[in-house]
All heavy atoms as atom14 arrays in JSON, in Angstrom:
{
  "sequence": "ISRDNAKNTVFLQMNSLKLEDTAVYYCYAEQLTNVYWGQGTQVTVS",
  "atom14_mask": [
    [1, 1, 1, 1, 1, 1, 1, 1, 0, 0, 0, 0, 0, 0],
    [1, 1, 1, 1, 1, 1, 0, 0, 0, 0, 0, 0, 0, 0],
    [1, 1, 1, 1, 1, 1, 1, 1, 1, 1, 1, 0, 0, 0],
    [1, 1, 1, 1, 1, 1, 1, 1, 0, 0, 0, 0, 0, 0],
    [1, 1, 1, 1, 1, 1, 1, 1, 0, 0, 0, 0, 0, 0],
    [1, 1, 1, 1, 1, 0, 0, 0, 0, 0, 0, 0, 0, 0],
    [1, 1, 1, 1, 1, 1, 1, 1, 1, 0, 0, 0, 0, 0],
    [1, 1, 1, 1, 1, 1, 1, 1, 0, 0, 0, 0, 0, 0],
    [1, 1, 1, 1, 1, 1, 1, 0, 0, 0, 0, 0, 0, 0],
    [1, 1, 1, 1, 1, 1, 1, 0, 0, 0, 0, 0, 0, 0],
    [1, 1, 1, 1, 1, 1, 1, 1, 1, 1, 1, 0, 0, 0],
    [1, 1, 1, 1, 1, 1, 1, 1, 0, 0, 0, 0, 0, 0],
    [1, 1, 1, 1, 1, 1, 1, 1, 1, 0, 0, 0, 0, 0],
    [1, 1, 1, 1, 1, 1, 1, 1, 0, 0, 0, 0, 0, 0],
    [1, 1, 1, 1, 1, 1, 1, 1, 0, 0, 0, 0, 0, 0],
    [1, 1, 1, 1, 1, 1, 0, 0, 0, 0, 0, 0, 0, 0],
    [1, 1, 1, 1, 1, 1, 1, 1, 0, 0, 0, 0, 0, 0],
    [1, 1, 1, 1, 1, 1, 1, 1, 1, 0, 0, 0, 0, 0],
    [1, 1, 1, 1, 1, 1, 1, 1, 0, 0, 0, 0, 0, 0],
    [1, 1, 1, 1, 1, 1, 1, 1, 1, 0, 0, 0, 0, 0],
    [1, 1, 1, 1, 1, 1, 1, 1, 0, 0, 0, 0, 0, 0],
    [1, 1, 1, 1, 1, 1, 1, 0, 0, 0, 0, 0, 0, 0],
    [1, 1, 1, 1, 1, 0, 0, 0, 0, 0, 0, 0, 0, 0],
    [1, 1, 1, 1, 1, 1, 1, 0, 0, 0, 0, 0, 0, 0],
    [1, 1, 1, 1, 1, 1, 1, 1, 1, 1, 1, 1, 0, 0],
    [1, 1, 1, 1, 1, 1, 1, 1, 1, 1, 1, 1, 0, 0],
    [1, 1, 1, 1, 1, 1, 0, 0, 0, 0, 0, 0, 0, 0],
    [1, 1, 1, 1, 1, 1, 1, 1, 1, 1, 1, 1, 0, 0],
    [1, 1, 1, 1, 1, 0, 0, 0, 0, 0, 0, 0, 0, 0],
    [1, 1, 1, 1, 1, 1, 1, 1, 1, 0, 0, 0, 0, 0],
    [1, 1, 1, 1, 1, 1, 1, 1, 1, 0, 0, 0, 0, 0],
    [1, 1, 1, 1, 1, 1, 1, 1, 0, 0, 0, 0, 0, 0],
    [1, 1, 1, 1, 1, 1, 1, 0, 0, 0, 0, 0, 0, 0],
    [1, 1, 1, 1, 1, 1, 1, 1, 0, 0, 0, 0, 0, 0],
    [1, 1, 1, 1, 1, 1, 1, 0, 0, 0, 0, 0, 0, 0],
    [1, 1, 1, 1, 1, 1, 1, 1, 1, 1, 1, 1, 0, 0],
    [1, 1, 1, 1, 1, 1, 1, 1, 1, 1, 1, 1, 1, 1],
    [1, 1, 1, 1, 0, 0, 0, 0, 0, 0, 0, 0, 0, 0],
    [1, 1, 1, 1, 1, 1, 1, 1, 1, 0, 0, 0, 0, 0],
    [1, 1, 1, 1, 0, 0, 0, 0, 0, 0, 0, 0, 0, 0],
    [1, 1, 1, 1, 1, 1, 1, 0, 0, 0, 0, 0, 0, 0],
    [1, 1, 1, 1, 1, 1, 1, 1, 1, 0, 0, 0, 0, 0],
    [1, 1, 1, 1, 1, 1, 1, 0, 0, 0, 0, 0, 0, 0],
    [1, 1, 1, 1, 1, 1, 1, 0, 0, 0, 0, 0, 0, 0],
    [1, 1, 1, 1, 1, 1, 1, 0, 0, 0, 0, 0, 0, 0],
    [1, 1, 1, 1, 1, 1, 0, 0, 0, 0, 0, 0, 0, 0]
  ],
  "atom14_positions": [
    [[0.91, -1.2, -0.09], [0.01, 0.02, 0.02], [0.89, 1.23, 0.01], [1.86, 1.26, 0.65], [-1.01, -0.01, 1.27], [-2.06, 1.09, 1.06], [-0.2, 0.07, 2.49], [-3.1, 1.1, 2.14], [0.0, 0.0, 0.0], [0.0, 0.0, 0.0], [0.0, 0.0, 0.0], [0.0, 0.0, 0.0], [0.0, 0.0, 0.0], [0.0, 0.0, 0.0]],
    [[0.41, 2.28, -0.7], [1.12, 3.48, -0.76], [0.17, 4.66, -1.13], [-1.06, 4.49, -1.26], [2.31, 3.5, -1.94], [1.7, 3.33, -3.06], [0.0, 0.0, 0.0], [0.0, 0.0, 0.0], [0.0, 0.0, 0.0], [0.0, 0.0, 0.0], [0.0, 0.0, 0.0], [0.0, 0.0, 0.0], [0.0, 0.0, 0.0], [0.0, 0.0, 0.0]],
    [[0.68, 6.0, -0.79], [-0.27, 7.0, -0.91], [0.5, 8.26, -1.6], [1.84, 8.3, -1.39], [-1.01, 7.46, 0.29], [-0.24, 7.88, 1.39], [-0.85, 8.02, 2.7], [-1.79, 9.16, 2.66], [-2.75, 9.31, 3.53], [-2.88, 8.39, 4.56], [-3.64, 10.27, 3.42], [0.0, 0.0, 0.0], [0.0, 0.0, 0.0], [0.0, 0.0, 0.0]],
    [[-0.14, 9.16, -2.26], [0.24, 10.35, -2.75], [-0.49, 11.38, -2.23], [-1.69, 11.66, -2.6], [0.18, 10.36, -4.23], [0.78, 11.72, -4.87], [0.86, 12.71, -4.2], [1.08, 11.63, -6.02], [0.0, 0.0, 0.0], [0.0, 0.0, 0.0], [0.0, 0.0, 0.0], [0.0, 0.0, 0.0], [0.0, 0.0, 0.0], [0.0, 0.0, 0.0]],
    [[-0.1, 12.14, -1.07], [-0.79, 13.12, -0.37], [-1.09, 14.27, -1.16], [-2.15, 14.87, -0.91], [-0.07, 13.42, 0.93], [0.0, 12.37, 1.94], [-0.84, 11.43, 1.92], [0.9, 12.41, 2.9], [0.0, 0.0, 0.0], [0.0, 0.0, 0.0], [0.0, 0.0, 0.0], [0.0, 0.0, 0.0], [0.0, 0.0, 0.0], [0.0, 0.0, 0.0]],
    [[-0.25, 14.69, -2.09], [-0.56, 15.84, -2.91], [-1.78, 15.63, -3.81], [-2.53, 16.57, -4.22], [0.52, 16.15, -3.77], [0.0, 0.0, 0.0], [0.0, 0.0, 0.0], [0.0, 0.0, 0.0], [0.0, 0.0, 0.0], [0.0, 0.0, 0.0], [0.0, 0.0, 0.0], [0.0, 0.0, 0.0], [0.0, 0.0, 0.0], [0.0, 0.0, 0.0]],
    [[-2.08, 14.32, -4.09], [-3.28, 14.01, -4.93], [-4.3, 13.4, -4.25], [-5.29, 12.92, -4.84], [-2.75, 13.13, -6.11], [-1.88, 13.69, -7.04], [-1.41, 12.88, -8.18], [-0.48, 13.56, -9.11], [0.02, 12.66, -10.32], [0.0, 0.0, 0.0], [0.0, 0.0, 0.0], [0.0, 0.0, 0.0], [0.0, 0.0, 0.0], [0.0, 0.0, 0.0]],
    [[-4.17, 13.16, -2.9], [-5.15, 12.48, -2.05], [-5.52, 11.09, -2.67], [-6.78, 10.82, -2.72], [-6.46, 13.43, -1.79], [-6.18, 14.5, -0.91], [-5.41, 14.44, 0.02], [-6.97, 15.5, -1.09], [0.0, 0.0, 0.0], [0.0, 0.0, 0.0], [0.0, 0.0, 0.0], [0.0, 0.0, 0.0], [0.0, 0.0, 0.0], [0.0, 0.0, 0.0]],
    [[-4.54, 10.32, -3.03], [-4.59, 9.07, -3.71], [-4.08, 7.9, -2.97], [-2.77, 8.14, -2.48], [-4.39, 9.14, -5.19], [-5.02, 10.15, -5.77], [-4.56, 7.83, -5.73], [0.0, 0.0, 0.0], [0.0, 0.0, 0.0], [0.0, 0.0, 0.0], [0.0, 0.0, 0.0], [0.0, 0.0, 0.0], [0.0, 0.0, 0.0], [0.0, 0.0, 0.0]],
    [[-4.65, 6.9, -2.75], [-4.09, 5.76, -2.16], [-4.01, 4.64, -3.18], [-4.9, 4.49, -4.06], [-4.81, 5.16, -0.8], [-6.25, 4.76, -1.21], [-4.03, 4.11, -0.09], [0.0, 0.0, 0.0], [0.0, 0.0, 0.0], [0.0, 0.0, 0.0], [0.0, 0.0, 0.0], [0.0, 0.0, 0.0], [0.0, 0.0, 0.0], [0.0, 0.0, 0.0]],
    [[-2.98, 3.76, -3.16], [-2.72, 2.83, -4.12], [-2.59, 1.37, -3.43], [-2.22, 1.29, -2.23], [-1.53, 3.07, -4.98], [-1.39, 4.37, -5.57], [-0.78, 5.42, -4.92], [-1.99, 4.56, -6.79], [-0.7, 6.64, -5.63], [-1.87, 5.8, -7.47], [-1.3, 6.88, -6.83], [0.0, 0.0, 0.0], [0.0, 0.0, 0.0], [0.0, 0.0, 0.0]],
    [[-2.86, 0.29, -4.19], [-2.64, -1.08, -3.72], [-2.04, -1.8, -4.8], [-2.71, -2.17, -5.91], [-3.97, -1.71, -3.29], [-3.69, -3.14, -2.51], [-3.05, -2.96, -1.25], [-5.07, -3.82, -2.47], [0.0, 0.0, 0.0], [0.0, 0.0, 0.0], [0.0, 0.0, 0.0], [0.0, 0.0, 0.0], [0.0, 0.0, 0.0], [0.0, 0.0, 0.0]],
    [[-0.7, -2.14, -4.7], [0.01, -2.93, -5.73], [-0.2, -4.33, -5.17], [0.34, -4.75, -4.1], [1.47, -2.46, -5.73], [2.36, -3.47, -6.74], [1.89, -3.08, -8.03], [1.77, -2.07, -8.52], [1.74, -4.21, -8.78], [0.0, 0.0, 0.0], [0.0, 0.0, 0.0], [0.0, 0.0, 0.0], [0.0, 0.0, 0.0], [0.0, 0.0, 0.0]],
    [[-0.77, -5.21, -6.01], [-1.06, -6.6, -5.74], [-0.15, -7.43, -6.7], [-0.44, -7.4, -7.89], [-2.49, -6.85, -5.89], [-3.47, -5.94, -5.11], [-5.15, -6.43, -5.18], [-5.47, -6.09, -6.92], [0.0, 0.0, 0.0], [0.0, 0.0, 0.0], [0.0, 0.0, 0.0], [0.0, 0.0, 0.0], [0.0, 0.0, 0.0], [0.0, 0.0, 0.0]],
    [[0.69, -8.28, -6.02], [1.46, -9.19, -6.88], [1.3, -10.54, -6.39], [0.78, -10.85, -5.36], [3.07, -8.76, -6.66], [3.47, -7.39, -7.02], [2.85, -6.98, -8.04], [4.33, -6.75, -6.38], [0.0, 0.0, 0.0], [0.0, 0.0, 0.0], [0.0, 0.0, 0.0], [0.0, 0.0, 0.0], [0.0, 0.0, 0.0], [0.0, 0.0, 0.0]],
    [[1.76, -11.5, -7.18], [1.71, -13.04, -6.83], [0.25, -13.36, -6.53], [0.03, -13.97, -5.47], [2.69, -13.29, -5.72], [3.9, -13.1, -6.08], [0.0, 0.0, 0.0], [0.0, 0.0, 0.0], [0.0, 0.0, 0.0], [0.0, 0.0, 0.0], [0.0, 0.0, 0.0], [0.0, 0.0, 0.0], [0.0, 0.0, 0.0], [0.0, 0.0, 0.0]],
    [[-0.64, -12.77, -7.35], [-2.22, -13.02, -6.94], [-2.68, -14.5, -6.98], [-2.07, -15.31, -7.66], [-3.0, -12.23, -7.98], [-3.03, -10.68, -7.69], [-3.48, -9.96, -8.92], [-3.91, -10.38, -6.48], [0.0, 0.0, 0.0], [0.0, 0.0, 0.0], [0.0, 0.0, 0.0], [0.0, 0.0, 0.0], [0.0, 0.0, 0.0], [0.0, 0.0, 0.0]],
    [[-3.57, -14.81, -6.01], [-3.94, -16.18, -5.85], [-5.46, -16.23, -6.12], [-6.1, -15.22, -6.04], [-3.69, -16.68, -4.42], [-2.23, -16.59, -4.02], [-2.17, -16.97, -2.59], [-0.59, -17.0, -2.09], [-0.52, -17.37, -0.65], [0.0, 0.0, 0.0], [0.0, 0.0, 0.0], [0.0, 0.0, 0.0], [0.0, 0.0, 0.0], [0.0, 0.0, 0.0]],
    [[-6.11, -17.3, -6.36], [-7.6, -17.52, -6.52], [-8.17, -16.89, -5.45], [-9.3, -16.38, -5.66], [-7.69, -18.95, -6.74], [-7.27, -19.65, -8.01], [-7.63, -21.22, -7.97], [-7.61, -18.99, -9.29], [0.0, 0.0, 0.0], [0.0, 0.0, 0.0], [0.0, 0.0, 0.0], [0.0, 0.0, 0.0], [0.0, 0.0, 0.0], [0.0, 0.0, 0.0]],
    [[-7.8, -17.06, -4.19], [-8.46, -16.62, -3.04], [-8.42, -15.03, -2.84], [-8.97, -14.52, -1.9], [-7.97, -17.31, -1.75], [-6.45, -17.25, -1.64], [-5.78, -18.49, -2.13], [-6.18, -18.84, -3.17], [-4.82, -19.01, -1.42], [0.0, 0.0, 0.0], [0.0, 0.0, 0.0], [0.0, 0.0, 0.0], [0.0, 0.0, 0.0], [0.0, 0.0, 0.0]],
    [[-7.63, -14.37, -3.78], [-7.63, -12.89, -3.68], [-8.9, -12.36, -4.35], [-9.11, -11.19, -4.32], [-6.45, -12.4, -4.26], [-5.18, -12.74, -3.52], [-5.31, -12.59, -2.2], [-4.11, -13.08, -4.06], [0.0, 0.0, 0.0], [0.0, 0.0, 0.0], [0.0, 0.0, 0.0], [0.0, 0.0, 0.0], [0.0, 0.0, 0.0], [0.0, 0.0, 0.0]],
    [[-9.71, -13.14, -5.07], [-10.9, -12.63, -5.88], [-11.88, -12.08, -4.76], [-12.22, -12.85, -3.74], [-11.53, -13.95, -6.46], [-10.6, -14.35, -7.55], [-12.86, -13.44, -7.25], [0.0, 0.0, 0.0], [0.0, 0.0, 0.0], [0.0, 0.0, 0.0], [0.0, 0.0, 0.0], [0.0, 0.0, 0.0], [0.0, 0.0, 0.0], [0.0, 0.0, 0.0]],
    [[-12.23, -10.88, -5.05], [-13.08, -10.24, -4.14], [-13.45, -8.81, -4.76], [-12.76, -8.46, -5.75], [-12.47, -10.06, -2.73], [0.0, 0.0, 0.0], [0.0, 0.0, 0.0], [0.0, 0.0, 0.0], [0.0, 0.0, 0.0], [0.0, 0.0, 0.0], [0.0, 0.0, 0.0], [0.0, 0.0, 0.0], [0.0, 0.0, 0.0], [0.0, 0.0, 0.0]],
    [[-14.36, -8.12, -4.11], [-14.56, -6.83, -4.37], [-13.76, -5.99, -3.27], [-13.76, -6.21, -2.2], [-16.07, -6.4, -4.06], [-16.24, -4.88, -4.42], [-16.85, -7.16, -5.17], [0.0, 0.0, 0.0], [0.0, 0.0, 0.0], [0.0, 0.0, 0.0], [0.0, 0.0, 0.0], [0.0, 0.0, 0.0], [0.0, 0.0, 0.0], [0.0, 0.0, 0.0]],
    [[-12.93, -5.09, -3.83], [-12.0, -4.3, -2.92], [-12.55, -2.81, -2.79], [-12.87, -2.26, -3.68], [-10.61, -4.21, -3.56], [-9.78, -5.51, -3.47], [-10.22, -6.59, -4.35], [-8.79, -5.68, -2.73], [-9.59, -7.83, -4.16], [-8.01, -6.72, -2.49], [-8.42, -7.92, -3.37], [-7.74, -9.12, -3.24], [0.0, 0.0, 0.0], [0.0, 0.0, 0.0]],
    [[-12.7, -2.44, -1.46], [-13.11, -1.2, -1.18], [-12.03, -0.31, -0.48], [-11.41, -0.8, 0.51], [-14.35, -1.31, -0.23], [-15.48, -2.14, -0.74], [-15.64, -3.44, -0.61], [-16.64, -1.4, -1.42], [-16.6, -4.12, -1.05], [-17.61, -2.11, -1.95], [-17.71, -3.33, -1.77], [-18.77, -4.26, -2.21], [0.0, 0.0, 0.0], [0.0, 0.0, 0.0]],
    [[-11.88, 0.74, -0.92], [-10.98, 1.85, -0.22], [-11.78, 2.55, 0.72], [-13.0, 2.72, 0.68], [-10.28, 2.64, -1.22], [-11.29, 3.85, -2.18], [0.0, 0.0, 0.0], [0.0, 0.0, 0.0], [0.0, 0.0, 0.0], [0.0, 0.0, 0.0], [0.0, 0.0, 0.0], [0.0, 0.0, 0.0], [0.0, 0.0, 0.0], [0.0, 0.0, 0.0]],
    [[-11.08, 3.07, 1.69], [-11.59, 3.99, 2.67], [-10.66, 5.32, 2.98], [-9.48, 5.04, 2.78], [-12.03, 3.4, 4.0], [-10.9, 2.98, 4.83], [-10.41, 3.97, 5.71], [-10.26, 1.91, 4.86], [-9.44, 3.68, 6.58], [-9.21, 1.41, 5.63], [-8.64, 2.56, 6.59], [-7.54, 2.13, 7.39], [0.0, 0.0, 0.0], [0.0, 0.0, 0.0]],
    [[-11.26, 6.26, 3.53], [-10.53, 7.49, 3.87], [-10.95, 8.08, 5.08], [-12.38, 8.14, 5.19], [-10.37, 8.45, 2.67], [0.0, 0.0, 0.0], [0.0, 0.0, 0.0], [0.0, 0.0, 0.0], [0.0, 0.0, 0.0], [0.0, 0.0, 0.0], [0.0, 0.0, 0.0], [0.0, 0.0, 0.0], [0.0, 0.0, 0.0], [0.0, 0.0, 0.0]],
    [[-10.27, 8.57, 6.0], [-10.63, 9.14, 7.15], [-10.4, 10.71, 7.13], [-9.38, 11.1, 6.65], [-9.82, 8.68, 8.36], [-9.98, 7.16, 8.67], [-9.02, 6.61, 9.63], [-8.09, 7.39, 10.11], [-9.2, 5.49, 10.1], [0.0, 0.0, 0.0], [0.0, 0.0, 0.0], [0.0, 0.0, 0.0], [0.0, 0.0, 0.0], [0.0, 0.0, 0.0]],
    [[-11.41, 11.58, 7.59], [-11.4, 12.83, 7.61], [-12.16, 13.23, 8.99], [-13.27, 12.97, 9.1], [-12.02, 13.65, 6.39], [-11.84, 15.04, 6.4], [-12.89, 15.88, 5.59], [-14.03, 15.81, 5.76], [-12.36, 16.29, 4.39], [0.0, 0.0, 0.0], [0.0, 0.0, 0.0], [0.0, 0.0, 0.0], [0.0, 0.0, 0.0], [0.0, 0.0, 0.0]],
    [[-11.33, 13.93, 9.77], [-11.85, 14.22, 11.2], [-12.41, 12.98, 11.79], [-11.65, 12.11, 11.91], [-12.91, 15.44, 11.03], [-12.48, 16.68, 10.4], [-13.65, 17.66, 10.43], [-11.43, 17.35, 11.21], [0.0, 0.0, 0.0], [0.0, 0.0, 0.0], [0.0, 0.0, 0.0], [0.0, 0.0, 0.0], [0.0, 0.0, 0.0], [0.0, 0.0, 0.0]],
    [[-13.67, 12.95, 12.24], [-14.24, 11.74, 12.83], [-14.98, 10.91, 11.91], [-15.58, 9.86, 12.27], [-15.17, 12.17, 13.92], [-16.2, 12.89, 13.52], [-14.42, 13.06, 14.98], [0.0, 0.0, 0.0], [0.0, 0.0, 0.0], [0.0, 0.0, 0.0], [0.0, 0.0, 0.0], [0.0, 0.0, 0.0], [0.0, 0.0, 0.0], [0.0, 0.0, 0.0]],
    [[-14.94, 11.24, 10.59], [-15.79, 10.4, 9.61], [-14.81, 9.49, 8.84], [-13.73, 9.59, 8.52], [-16.43, 11.46, 8.62], [-17.42, 12.41, 9.31], [-17.15, 13.61, 9.2], [-18.28, 11.91, 9.99], [0.0, 0.0, 0.0], [0.0, 0.0, 0.0], [0.0, 0.0, 0.0], [0.0, 0.0, 0.0], [0.0, 0.0, 0.0], [0.0, 0.0, 0.0]],
    [[-15.56, 8.38, 8.34], [-14.91, 7.39, 7.47], [-15.75, 7.42, 6.17], [-16.98, 7.14, 6.19], [-14.77, 6.05, 8.15], [-14.15, 5.06, 7.09], [-14.0, 6.14, 9.25], [0.0, 0.0, 0.0], [0.0, 0.0, 0.0], [0.0, 0.0, 0.0], [0.0, 0.0, 0.0], [0.0, 0.0, 0.0], [0.0, 0.0, 0.0], [0.0, 0.0, 0.0]],
    [[-15.07, 7.55, 5.0], [-15.76, 7.49, 3.73], [-15.23, 6.29, 2.91], [-14.08, 5.86, 3.08], [-15.63, 8.78, 2.92], [-15.92, 9.94, 3.67], [-15.07, 10.74, 4.52], [-17.2, 10.46, 3.56], [-15.43, 11.81, 5.07], [-17.83, 11.68, 4.13], [-16.87, 12.23, 4.95], [-17.33, 13.3, 5.75], [0.0, 0.0, 0.0], [0.0, 0.0, 0.0]],
    [[-16.26, 5.69, 2.16], [-15.96, 4.44, 1.36], [-16.12, 4.67, -0.23], [-16.86, 5.35, -0.58], [-16.83, 3.29, 1.85], [-16.65, 2.91, 3.23], [-17.25, 3.31, 4.27], [-15.77, 1.85, 3.79], [-16.69, 2.78, 5.37], [-15.78, 1.79, 5.11], [-14.99, 1.02, 3.04], [-15.1, 0.83, 5.76], [-14.02, 0.16, 3.74], [-14.23, 0.03, 5.11]],
    [[-15.12, 3.95, -0.83], [-15.27, 3.94, -2.32], [-16.39, 3.02, -2.73], [-17.1, 2.29, -2.0], [0.0, 0.0, 0.0], [0.0, 0.0, 0.0], [0.0, 0.0, 0.0], [0.0, 0.0, 0.0], [0.0, 0.0, 0.0], [0.0, 0.0, 0.0], [0.0, 0.0, 0.0], [0.0, 0.0, 0.0], [0.0, 0.0, 0.0], [0.0, 0.0, 0.0]],
    [[-16.57, 3.0, -4.09], [-17.74, 2.23, -4.63], [-17.44, 0.74, -4.72], [-18.27, -0.04, -5.0], [-18.23, 2.77, -5.93], [-17.27, 2.37, -7.14], [-16.02, 3.08, -7.34], [-15.65, 3.96, -6.48], [-15.37, 2.93, -8.44], [0.0, 0.0, 0.0], [0.0, 0.0, 0.0], [0.0, 0.0, 0.0], [0.0, 0.0, 0.0], [0.0, 0.0, 0.0]],
    [[-16.17, 0.32, -4.67], [-15.73, -0.95, -4.83], [-15.26, -1.19, -6.3], [-15.88, -0.72, -7.24], [0.0, 0.0, 0.0], [0.0, 0.0, 0.0], [0.0, 0.0, 0.0], [0.0, 0.0, 0.0], [0.0, 0.0, 0.0], [0.0, 0.0, 0.0], [0.0, 0.0, 0.0], [0.0, 0.0, 0.0], [0.0, 0.0, 0.0], [0.0, 0.0, 0.0]],
    [[-14.25, -2.04, -6.44], [-13.82, -2.48, -7.8], [-13.43, -4.0, -7.69], [-12.88, -4.52, -6.72], [-12.46, -1.78, -8.07], [-12.21, -2.09, -9.41], [-11.38, -2.05, -7.21], [0.0, 0.0, 0.0], [0.0, 0.0, 0.0], [0.0, 0.0, 0.0], [0.0, 0.0, 0.0], [0.0, 0.0, 0.0], [0.0, 0.0, 0.0], [0.0, 0.0, 0.0]],
    [[-13.93, -4.74, -8.65], [-13.89, -6.23, -8.65], [-12.55, -6.6, -9.15], [-11.92, -6.25, -10.15], [-14.98, -6.77, -9.69], [-14.85, -8.22, -9.88], [-15.25, -9.03, -8.61], [-14.53, -9.94, -8.08], [-16.49, -8.7, -8.02], [0.0, 0.0, 0.0], [0.0, 0.0, 0.0], [0.0, 0.0, 0.0], [0.0, 0.0, 0.0], [0.0, 0.0, 0.0]],
    [[-11.94, -7.57, -8.44], [-10.68, -8.12, -8.73], [-10.96, -9.66, -8.79], [-11.4, -10.35, -7.86], [-9.6, -7.94, -7.76], [-8.43, -8.8, -8.04], [-9.15, -6.45, -7.74], [0.0, 0.0, 0.0], [0.0, 0.0, 0.0], [0.0, 0.0, 0.0], [0.0, 0.0, 0.0], [0.0, 0.0, 0.0], [0.0, 0.0, 0.0], [0.0, 0.0, 0.0]],
    [[-10.65, -10.31, -9.96], [-11.05, -11.73, -10.31], [-9.73, -12.35, -10.75], [-9.08, -11.97, -11.69], [-12.13, -11.83, -11.33], [-13.26, -11.31, -10.9], [-12.36, -13.32, -11.52], [0.0, 0.0, 0.0], [0.0, 0.0, 0.0], [0.0, 0.0, 0.0], [0.0, 0.0, 0.0], [0.0, 0.0, 0.0], [0.0, 0.0, 0.0], [0.0, 0.0, 0.0]],
    [[-9.31, -13.34, -9.84], [-8.22, -14.16, -10.18], [-8.57, -15.51, -10.7], [-9.19, -16.24, -9.88], [-7.21, -14.19, -9.01], [-5.89, -14.95, -9.4], [-6.9, -12.94, -8.44], [0.0, 0.0, 0.0], [0.0, 0.0, 0.0], [0.0, 0.0, 0.0], [0.0, 0.0, 0.0], [0.0, 0.0, 0.0], [0.0, 0.0, 0.0], [0.0, 0.0, 0.0]],
    [[-8.21, -15.69, -11.94], [-8.81, -17.01, -12.52], [-7.9, -17.56, -13.61], [-7.29, -16.74, -14.3], [-10.15, -16.87, -13.04], [-10.72, -18.01, -13.68], [0.0, 0.0, 0.0], [0.0, 0.0, 0.0], [0.0, 0.0, 0.0], [0.0, 0.0, 0.0], [0.0, 0.0, 0.0], [0.0, 0.0, 0.0], [0.0, 0.0, 0.0], [0.0, 0.0, 0.0]]
  ]
}
C-alpha cells in the first residue's frame, strides 16, 4: 500500500495473486471523525 498526499490518492500494488484474492476491493479514507468508502472494484483471479 502507498499514497500520494498531494493528490489524495491511495494505491494497492497486488503481486503474486492467488485465486483466493478474488473479491470486491473497497478503499476508505478518514477525515476528522468520519470514514468514507469507495464504490468498490472487482478483482477476479482465474
